[in-house]
Amino acid sequence: MLQMRPCCECCGRDLAPSATDALICSFECTFCSDCNARILHGRCPNCGGTLSARPTRSAEALARHPASTERIVKPGGCA
């Protein structure tokens, strides 16, 4: 099950579990579409993997399996 991390690792922007502009790699590193467009260009800066749209989770499923609250933000961003 995906962790559904709560923020972009580059800029720290909040990304709700319902966010349709969140992107992840196969290790679940999480980024916003703005950082992807400006800096990442579809590649995870941590592992080099492809970034894909993060699936959303229904409210019912979130009640049973809550999103992560652990905020991971790269010191200095992704520049």
C-alpha atoms as a PDB file:
ATOM      1  CA  MET A   1       0.000   0.000   0.000  1.00  0.00           C
ATOM      2  CA  LEU A   2       1.295   3.477  -0.871  1.00  0.00           C
ATOM      3  CA  GLN A   3       2.417   5.707   1.987  1.00  0.00           C
ATOM      4  CA  MET A   4       0.704   8.735   0.396  1.00  0.00           C
ATOM      5  CA  ARG A   5       3.376  11.133   1.668  1.00  0.00           C
ATOM      6  CA  PRO A   6       1.997  14.551   2.614  1.00  0.00           C
ATOM      7  CA  CYS A   7       4.333  16.924   0.774  1.00  0.00           C
ATOM      8  CA  CYS A   8       6.688  17.550  -2.125  1.00  0.00           C
ATOM      9  CA  GLU A   9      10.247  16.512  -1.288  1.00  0.00           C
ATOM     10  CA  CYS A  10      11.654  19.469  -3.250  1.00  0.00           C
ATOM     11  CA  CYS A  11       9.635  22.466  -2.051  1.00  0.00           C
ATOM     12  CA  GLY A  12       7.643  21.128   0.917  1.00  0.00           C
ATOM     13  CA  ARG A  13       4.279  22.015  -0.664  1.00  0.00           C
ATOM     14  CA  ASP A  14       1.357  20.144   0.921  1.00  0.00           C
ATOM     15  CA  LEU A  15      -0.056  17.338  -1.225  1.00  0.00           C
ATOM     16  CA  ALA A  16      -3.346  15.969   0.064  1.00  0.00           C
ATOM     17  CA  PRO A  17      -4.160  12.295  -0.563  1.00  0.00           C
ATOM     18  CA  SER A  18      -6.695  13.540  -3.121  1.00  0.00           C
ATOM     19  CA  ALA A  19      -4.142  15.721  -4.963  1.00  0.00           C
ATOM     20  CA  THR A  20      -4.138  14.991  -8.670  1.00  0.00           C
ATOM     21  CA  ASP A  21      -0.848  16.843  -9.255  1.00  0.00           C
ATOM     22  CA  ALA A  22       1.315  14.616  -7.030  1.00  0.00           C
ATOM     23  CA  LEU A  23       3.967  12.460  -8.690  1.00  0.00           C
ATOM     24  CA  ILE A  24       5.861   9.451  -7.308  1.00  0.00           C
ATOM     25  CA  CYS A  25       8.687   7.131  -8.317  1.00  0.00           C
ATOM     26  CA  SER A  26       8.780   3.390  -7.636  1.00  0.00           C
ATOM     27  CA  PHE A  27      10.249   4.107  -4.162  1.00  0.00           C
ATOM     28  CA  GLU A  28       7.310   6.446  -3.391  1.00  0.00           C
ATOM     29  CA  CYS A  29       9.440   9.592  -3.384  1.00  0.00           C
ATOM     30  CA  THR A  30       6.823  12.311  -3.792  1.00  0.00           C
ATOM     31  CA  PHE A  31       6.935  15.559  -5.766  1.00  0.00           C
ATOM     32  CA  CYS A  32       4.534  18.240  -6.984  1.00  0.00           C
ATOM     33  CA  SER A  33       3.861  18.917 -10.649  1.00  0.00           C
ATOM     34  CA  ASP A  34       5.427  22.395 -10.400  1.00  0.00           C
ATOM     35  CA  CYS A  35       8.801  21.026  -9.277  1.00  0.00           C
ATOM     36  CA  ASN A  36       8.552  18.322 -11.915  1.00  0.00           C
ATOM     37  CA  ALA A  37       7.950  20.895 -14.666  1.00  0.00           C
ATOM     38  CA  ARG A  38      10.650  23.319 -13.471  1.00  0.00           C
ATOM     39  CA  ILE A  39      13.405  21.012 -12.213  1.00  0.00           C
ATOM     40  CA  LEU A  40      12.835  17.268 -12.388  1.00  0.00           C
ATOM     41  CA  HIS A  41      11.478  16.716 -15.914  1.00  0.00           C
ATOM     42  CA  GLY A  42      10.043  13.289 -15.083  1.00  0.00           C
ATOM     43  CA  ARG A  43      13.046  11.880 -13.184  1.00  0.00           C
ATOM     44  CA  CYS A  44      13.352  11.258  -9.454  1.00  0.00           C
ATOM     45  CA  PRO A  45      16.398  13.103  -8.073  1.00  0.00           C
ATOM     46  CA  ASN A  46      16.890  10.367  -5.470  1.00  0.00           C
ATOM     47  CA  CYS A  47      16.924   7.200  -7.578  1.00  0.00           C
ATOM     48  CA  GLY A  48      16.758   8.401 -11.198  1.00  0.00           C
ATOM     49  CA  GLY A  49      13.488   6.544 -11.737  1.00  0.00           C
ATOM     50  CA  THR A  50      10.528   7.744 -13.757  1.00  0.00           C
ATOM     51  CA  LEU A  51       7.942   9.926 -12.029  1.00  0.00           C
ATOM     52  CA  SER A  52       4.313   8.942 -12.536  1.00  0.00           C
ATOM     53  CA  ALA A  53       0.996  10.343 -11.346  1.00  0.00           C
ATOM     54  CA  ARG A  54       0.310   9.247  -7.787  1.00  0.00           C
ATOM     55  CA  PRO A  55      -3.034   7.433  -7.480  1.00  0.00           C
ATOM     56  CA  THR A  56      -5.628   8.961  -5.192  1.00  0.00           C
ATOM     57  CA  ARG A  57      -7.297   7.104  -2.331  1.00  0.00           C
ATOM     58  CA  SER A  58     -11.022   7.208  -1.605  1.00  0.00           C
ATOM     59  CA  ALA A  59     -12.248   8.738   1.655  1.00  0.00           C
ATOM     60  CA  GLU A  60     -13.480   5.320   2.776  1.00  0.00           C
ATOM     61  CA  ALA A  61     -10.076   3.750   2.157  1.00  0.00           C
ATOM     62  CA  LEU A  62      -8.316   6.683   3.860  1.00  0.00           C
ATOM     63  CA  ALA A  63     -10.413   6.091   6.969  1.00  0.00           C
ATOM     64  CA  ARG A  64      -9.130   2.505   7.143  1.00  0.00           C
ATOM     65  CA  HIS A  65      -5.625   3.200   5.823  1.00  0.00           C
ATOM     66  CA  PRO A  66      -4.605   6.813   6.559  1.00  0.00           C
ATOM     67  CA  ALA A  67      -2.000   8.678   4.553  1.00  0.00           C
ATOM     68  CA  SER A  68       1.460   9.151   6.028  1.00  0.00           C
ATOM     69  CA  THR A  69       2.133  12.229   8.148  1.00  0.00           C
ATOM     70  CA  GLU A  70       5.921  11.981   7.821  1.00  0.00           C
ATOM     71  CA  ARG A  71       7.214  15.035   5.944  1.00  0.00           C
ATOM     72  CA  ILE A  72      10.332  14.362   3.872  1.00  0.00           C
ATOM     73  CA  VAL A  73      11.888  17.477   2.335  1.00  0.00           C
ATOM     74  CA  LYS A  74      15.357  17.604   0.792  1.00  0.00           C
ATOM     75  CA  PRO A  75      17.574  20.200   2.506  1.00  0.00           C
ATOM     76  CA  GLY A  76      18.090  22.927  -0.077  1.00  0.00           C
ATOM     77  CA  GLY A  77      15.338  21.556  -2.325  1.00  0.00           C
ATOM     78  CA  CYS A  78      16.068  19.781  -5.597  1.00  0.00           C
ATOM     79  CA  ALA A  79      18.110  22.478  -7.336  1.00  0.00           C
END
